């Protein structure tokens, strides 16, 4: 996935970049950049973006800790993850 695709609005690329920045995978680790890309993907309804944004809220990485916000995001993602697990 490329930054160019993320900047063009590709939610998969946005979520992928969020994970890359959160983990320092191929890019310097940056909570601010992870937050930017996870938030953008989550706003487009991307489950991985919602999960990543929830984790940042839960851990307080890049923003104040907010367990309620994390729970709300995780709750959105949980049914999708369960359906995927059953399908595989």
N, C-alpha and C. Protein backbone atom coordinates (compact mmCIF):
# COMPACT_ATOMS: atom_id res chain seq x y z
N UNK A 1 0.85 -1.18 0.00
CA UNK A 1 0.00 0.00 0.00
C UNK A 1 0.89 1.24 0.00
N UNK A 2 0.47 2.23 -0.71
CA UNK A 2 1.31 3.41 -0.81
C UNK A 2 0.68 4.61 -0.13
N UNK A 3 1.54 5.52 0.25
CA UNK A 3 1.06 6.79 0.82
C UNK A 3 0.21 7.51 -0.21
N UNK A 4 0.59 7.39 -1.47
CA UNK A 4 -0.17 8.05 -2.54
C UNK A 4 -1.61 7.54 -2.57
N UNK A 5 -1.80 6.24 -2.41
CA UNK A 5 -3.15 5.69 -2.39
C UNK A 5 -3.92 6.19 -1.17
N UNK A 6 -3.25 6.26 -0.02
CA UNK A 6 -3.90 6.76 1.19
C UNK A 6 -4.31 8.21 1.01
N UNK A 7 -3.44 9.02 0.45
CA UNK A 7 -3.74 10.43 0.24
C UNK A 7 -4.84 10.62 -0.79
N UNK A 8 -5.03 9.62 -1.67
CA UNK A 8 -6.10 9.68 -2.67
C UNK A 8 -7.43 9.19 -2.09
N UNK A 9 -7.42 8.73 -0.83
CA UNK A 9 -8.67 8.34 -0.19
C UNK A 9 -8.90 6.85 -0.04
N UNK A 10 -7.90 6.02 -0.32
CA UNK A 10 -8.03 4.57 -0.18
C UNK A 10 -7.98 4.19 1.30
N UNK A 11 -9.11 3.73 1.85
CA UNK A 11 -9.20 3.42 3.28
C UNK A 11 -8.29 2.26 3.67
N UNK A 12 -8.12 1.26 2.79
CA UNK A 12 -7.20 0.15 3.09
C UNK A 12 -5.78 0.68 3.27
N UNK A 13 -5.37 1.55 2.36
CA UNK A 13 -4.02 2.13 2.44
C UNK A 13 -3.87 3.00 3.69
N UNK A 14 -4.93 3.72 4.04
CA UNK A 14 -4.89 4.55 5.25
C UNK A 14 -4.68 3.70 6.49
N UNK A 15 -5.46 2.63 6.61
CA UNK A 15 -5.34 1.75 7.78
C UNK A 15 -3.96 1.10 7.81
N UNK A 16 -3.48 0.68 6.65
CA UNK A 16 -2.15 0.05 6.57
C UNK A 16 -1.06 1.02 7.02
N UNK A 17 -1.14 2.27 6.55
CA UNK A 17 -0.16 3.27 6.98
C UNK A 17 -0.27 3.52 8.49
N UNK A 18 -1.48 3.51 9.02
CA UNK A 18 -1.65 3.66 10.46
C UNK A 18 -0.89 2.59 11.22
N UNK A 19 -1.03 1.35 10.78
CA UNK A 19 -0.32 0.25 11.43
C UNK A 19 1.20 0.38 11.27
N UNK A 20 1.63 0.81 10.09
CA UNK A 20 3.06 0.99 9.86
C UNK A 20 3.63 2.03 10.82
N UNK A 21 2.96 3.18 10.94
CA UNK A 21 3.46 4.23 11.83
C UNK A 21 3.34 3.83 13.29
N UNK A 22 2.30 3.11 13.64
CA UNK A 22 2.13 2.68 15.04
C UNK A 22 3.24 1.73 15.46
N UNK A 23 3.72 0.92 14.52
CA UNK A 23 4.71 -0.10 14.84
C UNK A 23 6.11 0.21 14.33
N UNK A 24 6.29 1.32 13.64
CA UNK A 24 7.60 1.63 13.08
C UNK A 24 8.03 0.62 12.04
N UNK A 25 7.09 0.14 11.26
CA UNK A 25 7.38 -0.87 10.24
C UNK A 25 7.67 -0.20 8.90
N UNK A 26 8.94 -0.04 8.59
CA UNK A 26 9.34 0.57 7.33
C UNK A 26 9.30 2.09 7.34
N UNK A 27 8.83 2.66 8.43
CA UNK A 27 8.77 4.12 8.62
C UNK A 27 9.14 4.39 10.07
N UNK A 28 9.58 5.61 10.38
CA UNK A 28 9.82 5.91 11.79
C UNK A 28 8.51 5.84 12.58
N UNK A 29 8.53 5.23 13.75
CA UNK A 29 7.33 5.16 14.58
C UNK A 29 6.86 6.56 14.91
N UNK A 30 5.55 6.78 14.80
CA UNK A 30 4.97 8.09 15.07
C UNK A 30 3.52 7.94 15.48
N UNK A 31 3.24 8.21 16.75
CA UNK A 31 1.86 8.15 17.20
C UNK A 31 0.99 9.17 16.49
N UNK A 32 1.53 10.34 16.22
CA UNK A 32 0.75 11.39 15.54
C UNK A 32 0.36 10.94 14.13
N UNK A 33 1.30 10.32 13.40
CA UNK A 33 0.99 9.84 12.05
C UNK A 33 0.05 8.65 12.10
N UNK A 34 0.26 7.75 13.06
CA UNK A 34 -0.65 6.62 13.21
C UNK A 34 -2.06 7.12 13.48
N UNK A 35 -2.19 8.09 14.36
CA UNK A 35 -3.49 8.66 14.69
C UNK A 35 -4.14 9.27 13.45
N UNK A 36 -3.37 10.01 12.68
CA UNK A 36 -3.91 10.63 11.47
C UNK A 36 -4.50 9.60 10.52
N UNK A 37 -3.73 8.54 10.25
CA UNK A 37 -4.17 7.57 9.26
C UNK A 37 -5.26 6.64 9.80
N UNK A 38 -5.16 6.24 11.06
CA UNK A 38 -6.23 5.42 11.64
C UNK A 38 -7.54 6.20 11.66
N UNK A 39 -7.48 7.47 12.05
CA UNK A 39 -8.69 8.29 12.12
C UNK A 39 -9.31 8.44 10.74
N UNK A 40 -8.49 8.69 9.73
CA UNK A 40 -9.00 8.85 8.37
C UNK A 40 -9.67 7.56 7.89
N UNK A 41 -9.05 6.42 8.16
CA UNK A 41 -9.63 5.13 7.75
C UNK A 41 -10.91 4.85 8.54
N UNK A 42 -10.89 5.13 9.84
CA UNK A 42 -12.06 4.89 10.69
C UNK A 42 -13.24 5.75 10.24
N UNK A 43 -12.98 6.98 9.85
CA UNK A 43 -14.05 7.86 9.37
C UNK A 43 -14.70 7.33 8.10
N UNK A 44 -13.99 6.48 7.39
CA UNK A 44 -14.52 5.85 6.18
C UNK A 44 -15.12 4.48 6.49
N UNK A 45 -15.19 4.14 7.77
CA UNK A 45 -15.80 2.88 8.18
C UNK A 45 -14.90 1.67 8.06
N UNK A 46 -13.60 1.87 7.92
CA UNK A 46 -12.67 0.75 7.76
C UNK A 46 -12.44 0.06 9.11
N UNK A 47 -12.72 -1.26 9.22
CA UNK A 47 -12.60 -1.95 10.50
C UNK A 47 -11.19 -1.90 11.11
N UNK A 48 -10.17 -2.04 10.30
CA UNK A 48 -8.81 -2.01 10.84
C UNK A 48 -8.44 -0.60 11.31
N UNK A 49 -8.94 0.40 10.62
CA UNK A 49 -8.74 1.76 11.07
C UNK A 49 -9.46 2.03 12.38
N UNK A 50 -10.68 1.51 12.52
CA UNK A 50 -11.43 1.66 13.76
C UNK A 50 -10.73 0.95 14.91
N UNK A 51 -10.23 -0.24 14.66
CA UNK A 51 -9.52 -0.99 15.69
C UNK A 51 -8.25 -0.25 16.12
N UNK A 52 -7.48 0.20 15.13
CA UNK A 52 -6.24 0.92 15.44
C UNK A 52 -6.50 2.19 16.22
N UNK A 53 -7.53 2.94 15.81
CA UNK A 53 -7.88 4.16 16.52
C UNK A 53 -8.34 3.84 17.94
N UNK A 54 -9.10 2.76 18.09
CA UNK A 54 -9.53 2.33 19.42
C UNK A 54 -8.35 2.00 20.31
N UNK A 55 -7.36 1.33 19.75
CA UNK A 55 -6.18 0.98 20.54
C UNK A 55 -5.43 2.24 20.99
N UNK A 56 -5.30 3.21 20.09
CA UNK A 56 -4.63 4.45 20.47
C UNK A 56 -5.37 5.15 21.61
N UNK A 57 -6.70 5.15 21.54
CA UNK A 57 -7.51 5.72 22.63
C UNK A 57 -7.28 4.95 23.93
N UNK A 58 -7.28 3.63 23.84
CA UNK A 58 -7.14 2.80 25.03
C UNK A 58 -5.77 3.00 25.70
N UNK A 59 -4.74 3.04 24.89
CA UNK A 59 -3.37 3.15 25.41
C UNK A 59 -2.95 4.59 25.69
N UNK A 60 -3.66 5.54 25.10
CA UNK A 60 -3.26 6.93 25.27
C UNK A 60 -2.07 7.30 24.42
N UNK A 61 -1.94 6.67 23.26
CA UNK A 61 -0.84 6.97 22.34
C UNK A 61 -1.30 8.05 21.36
N UNK A 62 -0.72 9.23 21.46
CA UNK A 62 -1.05 10.30 20.54
C UNK A 62 -2.25 11.13 20.94
N UNK A 63 -2.94 10.72 21.99
CA UNK A 63 -4.10 11.44 22.49
C UNK A 63 -4.36 10.96 23.92
N UNK A 64 -5.17 11.69 24.68
CA UNK A 64 -5.42 11.25 26.06
C UNK A 64 -6.12 9.89 26.10
N UNK A 65 -5.83 9.12 27.13
CA UNK A 65 -6.51 7.83 27.31
C UNK A 65 -8.01 8.06 27.41
N UNK A 66 -8.76 7.22 26.71
CA UNK A 66 -10.22 7.34 26.72
C UNK A 66 -10.81 5.95 26.49
N UNK A 67 -11.04 5.24 27.59
CA UNK A 67 -11.54 3.87 27.50
C UNK A 67 -12.93 3.81 26.86
N UNK A 68 -13.76 4.82 27.11
CA UNK A 68 -15.11 4.83 26.53
C UNK A 68 -15.04 4.95 25.01
N UNK A 69 -14.17 5.81 24.50
CA UNK A 69 -14.01 5.94 23.05
C UNK A 69 -13.44 4.66 22.46
N UNK A 70 -12.49 4.04 23.15
CA UNK A 70 -11.91 2.78 22.69
C UNK A 70 -12.99 1.71 22.61
N UNK A 71 -13.80 1.60 23.65
CA UNK A 71 -14.86 0.59 23.69
C UNK A 71 -15.85 0.81 22.55
N UNK A 72 -16.22 2.05 22.30
CA UNK A 72 -17.15 2.35 21.21
C UNK A 72 -16.59 1.89 19.86
N UNK A 73 -15.31 2.12 19.64
CA UNK A 73 -14.69 1.70 18.38
C UNK A 73 -14.56 0.19 18.31
N UNK A 74 -14.13 -0.43 19.40
CA UNK A 74 -13.99 -1.89 19.41
C UNK A 74 -15.34 -2.56 19.20
N UNK A 75 -16.40 -1.98 19.74
CA UNK A 75 -17.74 -2.54 19.60
C UNK A 75 -18.20 -2.51 18.14
N UNK A 76 -17.81 -1.48 17.41
CA UNK A 76 -18.12 -1.42 15.98
C UNK A 76 -17.42 -2.53 15.21
N UNK A 77 -16.19 -2.82 15.62
CA UNK A 77 -15.36 -3.78 14.88
C UNK A 77 -15.67 -5.23 15.25
N UNK A 78 -16.07 -5.49 16.48
CA UNK A 78 -16.24 -6.86 16.97
C UNK A 78 -17.15 -7.71 16.09
N UNK A 79 -18.33 -7.25 15.69
CA UNK A 79 -19.17 -8.11 14.84
C UNK A 79 -18.53 -8.44 13.51
N UNK A 80 -17.79 -7.52 12.94
CA UNK A 80 -17.12 -7.76 11.66
C UNK A 80 -16.04 -8.82 11.82
N UNK A 81 -15.25 -8.71 12.88
CA UNK A 81 -14.18 -9.68 13.11
C UNK A 81 -14.77 -11.07 13.36
N UNK A 82 -15.88 -11.13 14.05
CA UNK A 82 -16.53 -12.42 14.33
C UNK A 82 -17.03 -13.05 13.03
N UNK A 83 -17.64 -12.27 12.17
CA UNK A 83 -18.12 -12.79 10.89
C UNK A 83 -16.96 -13.29 10.04
N UNK A 84 -15.87 -12.56 10.01
CA UNK A 84 -14.70 -13.00 9.25
C UNK A 84 -14.14 -14.31 9.78
N UNK A 85 -14.09 -14.41 11.09
CA UNK A 85 -13.58 -15.64 11.72
C UNK A 85 -14.44 -16.83 11.34
N UNK A 86 -15.74 -16.65 11.34
CA UNK A 86 -16.66 -17.74 10.99
C UNK A 86 -16.55 -18.11 9.52
N UNK A 87 -16.29 -17.12 8.67
CA UNK A 87 -16.20 -17.37 7.23
C UNK A 87 -14.96 -18.15 6.86
N UNK A 88 -13.92 -18.01 7.69
CA UNK A 88 -12.67 -18.71 7.37
C UNK A 88 -12.74 -20.06 7.97
